[in-house]
Amino acid sequence: MTARTPGKRPTFAADAMLGRLAKLLRMLGYDVFYDSGIDDPELKLLAVREGRIVLTRDREITDTNLPLEVFLVESDLPDEQLREVVERFSLDVEGALFTRCLLCNTPVEDVRREDVEERVPPYVYATQERFVRCPSCGRIYWAATHVAGAKRRLQGLFGVGGEGLDGE
């Protein structure tokens, strides 16, 4: 097992079976490596190199002599998987909502509204004031109905709603 630095947010490496969990953790602002094509030995080595905690549903991955922390996720359901990980690692579910790209895991950056006019639908541009962009893949995010839905989901799971992209 690897030692974690107190006060530092944990980082994770999710196996191929946990793509939806990886997205949910990224939504909470956690750094989660995920590649559905990576094999188990490569995933473990990446976790050792980068000091990541391996999240897996595969009991065979837990059998290792490498100096790494592995957490076996029991549930098949993404919301329950998230609850398991949040509880096991005492994760903050409100402090960094919507600060990472859900697709490529890169921290997002504020972008001027004028800079996205040609990249978002006209209705979105007319109704939204704040936008963020992933500097890696270029994806643009804004506080649409999915943000409210995600906050309701968190409220149901953890009794919190948190601040997010829309600052509510």
Protein backbone atom coordinates (compact mmCIF):
# COMPACT_ATOMS: atom_id res chain seq x y z
CA MET A 1 0.00 0.00 0.00
CA THR A 2 1.26 3.49 -0.85
CA ALA A 3 1.38 6.23 1.75
CA ARG A 4 -0.85 9.21 1.09
CA THR A 5 0.11 12.76 1.92
CA PRO A 6 -2.21 14.22 4.57
CA GLY A 7 -4.38 17.02 3.19
CA LYS A 8 -3.70 16.04 -0.44
CA ARG A 9 -6.67 14.88 -2.46
CA PRO A 10 -6.25 11.24 -3.47
CA THR A 11 -5.85 10.36 -7.12
CA PHE A 12 -7.25 7.21 -8.66
CA ALA A 13 -6.80 4.77 -11.53
CA ALA A 14 -10.05 2.99 -12.45
CA ASP A 15 -10.05 -0.34 -14.25
CA ALA A 16 -11.93 -0.99 -17.48
CA MET A 17 -15.13 -1.98 -15.64
CA LEU A 18 -15.48 1.36 -13.87
CA GLY A 19 -15.86 3.98 -16.60
CA ARG A 20 -19.08 5.44 -15.17
CA LEU A 21 -17.55 5.63 -11.69
CA ALA A 22 -14.51 7.41 -13.16
CA LYS A 23 -16.82 10.05 -14.67
CA LEU A 24 -18.70 10.52 -11.41
CA LEU A 25 -15.46 10.99 -9.47
CA ARG A 26 -14.25 13.47 -12.11
CA MET A 27 -17.56 15.33 -11.68
CA LEU A 28 -16.59 15.69 -8.00
CA GLY A 29 -13.24 17.09 -9.08
CA TYR A 30 -11.05 14.04 -8.48
CA ASP A 31 -8.16 13.11 -10.75
CA VAL A 32 -9.11 9.69 -12.13
CA PHE A 33 -7.09 7.94 -14.80
CA TYR A 34 -9.35 5.77 -16.96
CA ASP A 35 -8.62 3.95 -20.20
CA SER A 36 -10.94 1.10 -21.14
CA GLY A 37 -8.17 -0.49 -23.21
CA ILE A 38 -5.46 -0.70 -20.55
CA ASP A 39 -4.56 -4.16 -19.28
CA ASP A 40 -4.29 -4.97 -15.58
CA PRO A 41 -0.47 -5.10 -15.29
CA GLU A 42 -0.15 -1.76 -17.10
CA LEU A 43 -2.83 -0.21 -14.86
CA LYS A 44 -0.98 -1.34 -11.73
CA LEU A 45 2.35 0.00 -12.99
CA LEU A 46 0.76 3.35 -13.86
CA ALA A 47 -0.74 3.50 -10.37
CA VAL A 48 2.64 2.81 -8.77
CA ARG A 49 4.44 5.38 -10.96
CA GLU A 50 1.85 8.10 -10.33
CA GLY A 51 0.91 7.26 -6.74
CA ARG A 52 -2.71 6.48 -7.64
CA ILE A 53 -5.17 4.27 -5.79
CA VAL A 54 -6.48 1.50 -8.05
CA LEU A 55 -10.25 1.15 -8.14
CA THR A 56 -11.36 -2.20 -9.47
CA ARG A 57 -14.16 -4.76 -9.60
CA ASP A 58 -11.63 -7.48 -10.47
CA ARG A 59 -10.48 -9.51 -7.46
CA GLU A 60 -7.38 -10.64 -9.40
CA ILE A 61 -6.07 -7.05 -9.50
CA THR A 62 -6.14 -6.95 -5.70
CA ASP A 63 -3.60 -9.80 -5.62
CA THR A 64 -0.35 -7.92 -6.11
CA ASN A 65 3.08 -7.59 -4.59
CA LEU A 66 3.45 -4.06 -5.91
CA PRO A 67 3.51 -1.17 -3.43
CA LEU A 68 0.10 0.20 -4.28
CA GLU A 69 -3.30 0.67 -2.71
CA VAL A 70 -6.15 -1.23 -4.34
CA PHE A 71 -9.80 -0.79 -3.47
CA LEU A 72 -12.22 -3.50 -4.53
CA VAL A 73 -15.53 -1.88 -5.50
CA GLU A 74 -18.35 -4.27 -4.63
CA SER A 75 -21.45 -2.78 -6.29
CA ASP A 76 -22.45 -3.01 -9.94
CA LEU A 77 -24.40 0.26 -9.69
CA PRO A 78 -22.49 3.51 -10.40
CA ASP A 79 -24.20 5.52 -7.63
CA GLU A 80 -23.46 2.81 -5.07
CA GLN A 81 -19.89 2.52 -6.38
CA LEU A 82 -19.49 6.25 -5.83
CA ARG A 83 -20.88 5.95 -2.32
CA GLU A 84 -18.41 3.12 -1.55
CA VAL A 85 -15.41 5.14 -2.73
CA VAL A 86 -16.53 8.37 -1.07
CA GLU A 87 -17.06 6.58 2.25
CA ARG A 88 -13.85 4.52 2.10
CA PHE A 89 -11.63 7.50 1.36
CA SER A 90 -13.68 10.19 3.17
CA LEU A 91 -13.88 12.22 -0.03
CA ASP A 92 -15.10 15.80 -0.18
CA VAL A 93 -18.14 15.72 -2.43
CA GLU A 94 -18.70 19.49 -2.63
CA GLY A 95 -15.39 21.32 -2.73
CA ALA A 96 -14.40 20.89 -6.37
CA LEU A 97 -17.56 20.04 -8.31
CA PHE A 98 -17.28 20.35 -12.08
CA THR A 99 -13.59 21.35 -12.09
CA ARG A 100 -12.37 18.52 -14.36
CA CYS A 101 -13.19 17.46 -17.87
CA LEU A 102 -15.41 14.41 -17.64
CA LEU A 103 -13.88 12.96 -20.79
CA CYS A 104 -10.14 13.49 -20.48
CA ASN A 105 -9.68 14.29 -16.77
CA THR A 106 -7.89 17.62 -17.30
CA PRO A 107 -8.77 20.51 -14.97
CA VAL A 108 -11.08 22.94 -16.78
CA GLU A 109 -10.42 26.68 -17.09
CA ASP A 110 -12.72 29.66 -17.18
CA VAL A 111 -13.14 31.02 -20.67
CA ARG A 112 -14.54 34.34 -21.84
CA ARG A 113 -18.11 34.07 -22.99
CA GLU A 114 -17.26 35.79 -26.27
CA ASP A 115 -14.65 33.13 -27.03
CA VAL A 116 -17.23 30.35 -27.15
CA GLU A 117 -19.99 32.03 -29.14
CA GLU A 118 -19.22 30.03 -32.29
CA ARG A 119 -18.78 26.79 -30.36
CA VAL A 120 -22.04 26.54 -28.43
CA PRO A 121 -25.68 26.49 -29.58
CA PRO A 122 -27.23 29.98 -29.94
CA TYR A 123 -29.75 29.33 -27.17
CA VAL A 124 -26.98 28.30 -24.78
CA TYR A 125 -24.97 31.39 -25.63
CA ALA A 126 -28.02 33.61 -25.10
CA THR A 127 -28.95 32.07 -21.74
CA GLN A 128 -25.60 31.32 -20.07
CA GLU A 129 -23.10 33.75 -18.60
CA ARG A 130 -20.29 31.42 -17.50
CA PHE A 131 -18.39 28.84 -19.51
CA VAL A 132 -15.36 26.66 -18.84
CA ARG A 133 -13.17 24.84 -21.32
CA CYS A 134 -10.93 21.82 -21.16
CA PRO A 135 -7.51 23.00 -22.34
CA SER A 136 -6.68 19.47 -23.45
CA CYS A 137 -9.64 18.31 -25.56
CA GLY A 138 -11.35 21.70 -26.05
CA ARG A 139 -14.74 20.59 -24.74
CA ILE A 140 -16.90 23.49 -23.50
CA TYR A 141 -19.02 23.17 -20.36
CA TRP A 142 -21.78 25.35 -18.94
CA ALA A 143 -24.38 25.05 -16.19
CA ALA A 144 -27.27 23.41 -17.99
CA THR A 145 -29.90 21.05 -16.65
CA HIS A 146 -27.27 18.32 -16.16
CA VAL A 147 -25.69 20.41 -13.38
CA ALA A 148 -29.00 20.63 -11.53
CA GLY A 149 -29.50 16.90 -12.08
CA ALA A 150 -26.04 16.11 -10.76
CA LYS A 151 -26.69 18.24 -7.68
CA ARG A 152 -29.97 16.40 -7.06
CA ARG A 153 -28.11 13.12 -7.43
CA LEU A 154 -25.52 14.21 -4.85
CA GLN A 155 -28.26 15.44 -2.54
CA GLY A 156 -29.91 12.02 -2.72
CA LEU A 157 -26.65 10.14 -2.18
CA PHE A 158 -24.90 12.30 0.39
CA GLY A 159 -27.36 14.94 1.57
CA VAL A 160 -25.37 17.73 -0.10
CA GLY A 161 -25.80 19.87 -3.19
CA GLY A 162 -22.65 21.93 -3.30
CA GLU A 163 -21.55 24.78 -5.48
CA GLY A 164 -20.76 24.02 -9.05
CA LEU A 165 -20.29 25.61 -12.40
CA ASP A 166 -23.26 27.87 -11.86
CA GLY A 167 -22.18 29.04 -8.39
CA GLU A 168 -25.55 28.24 -6.81
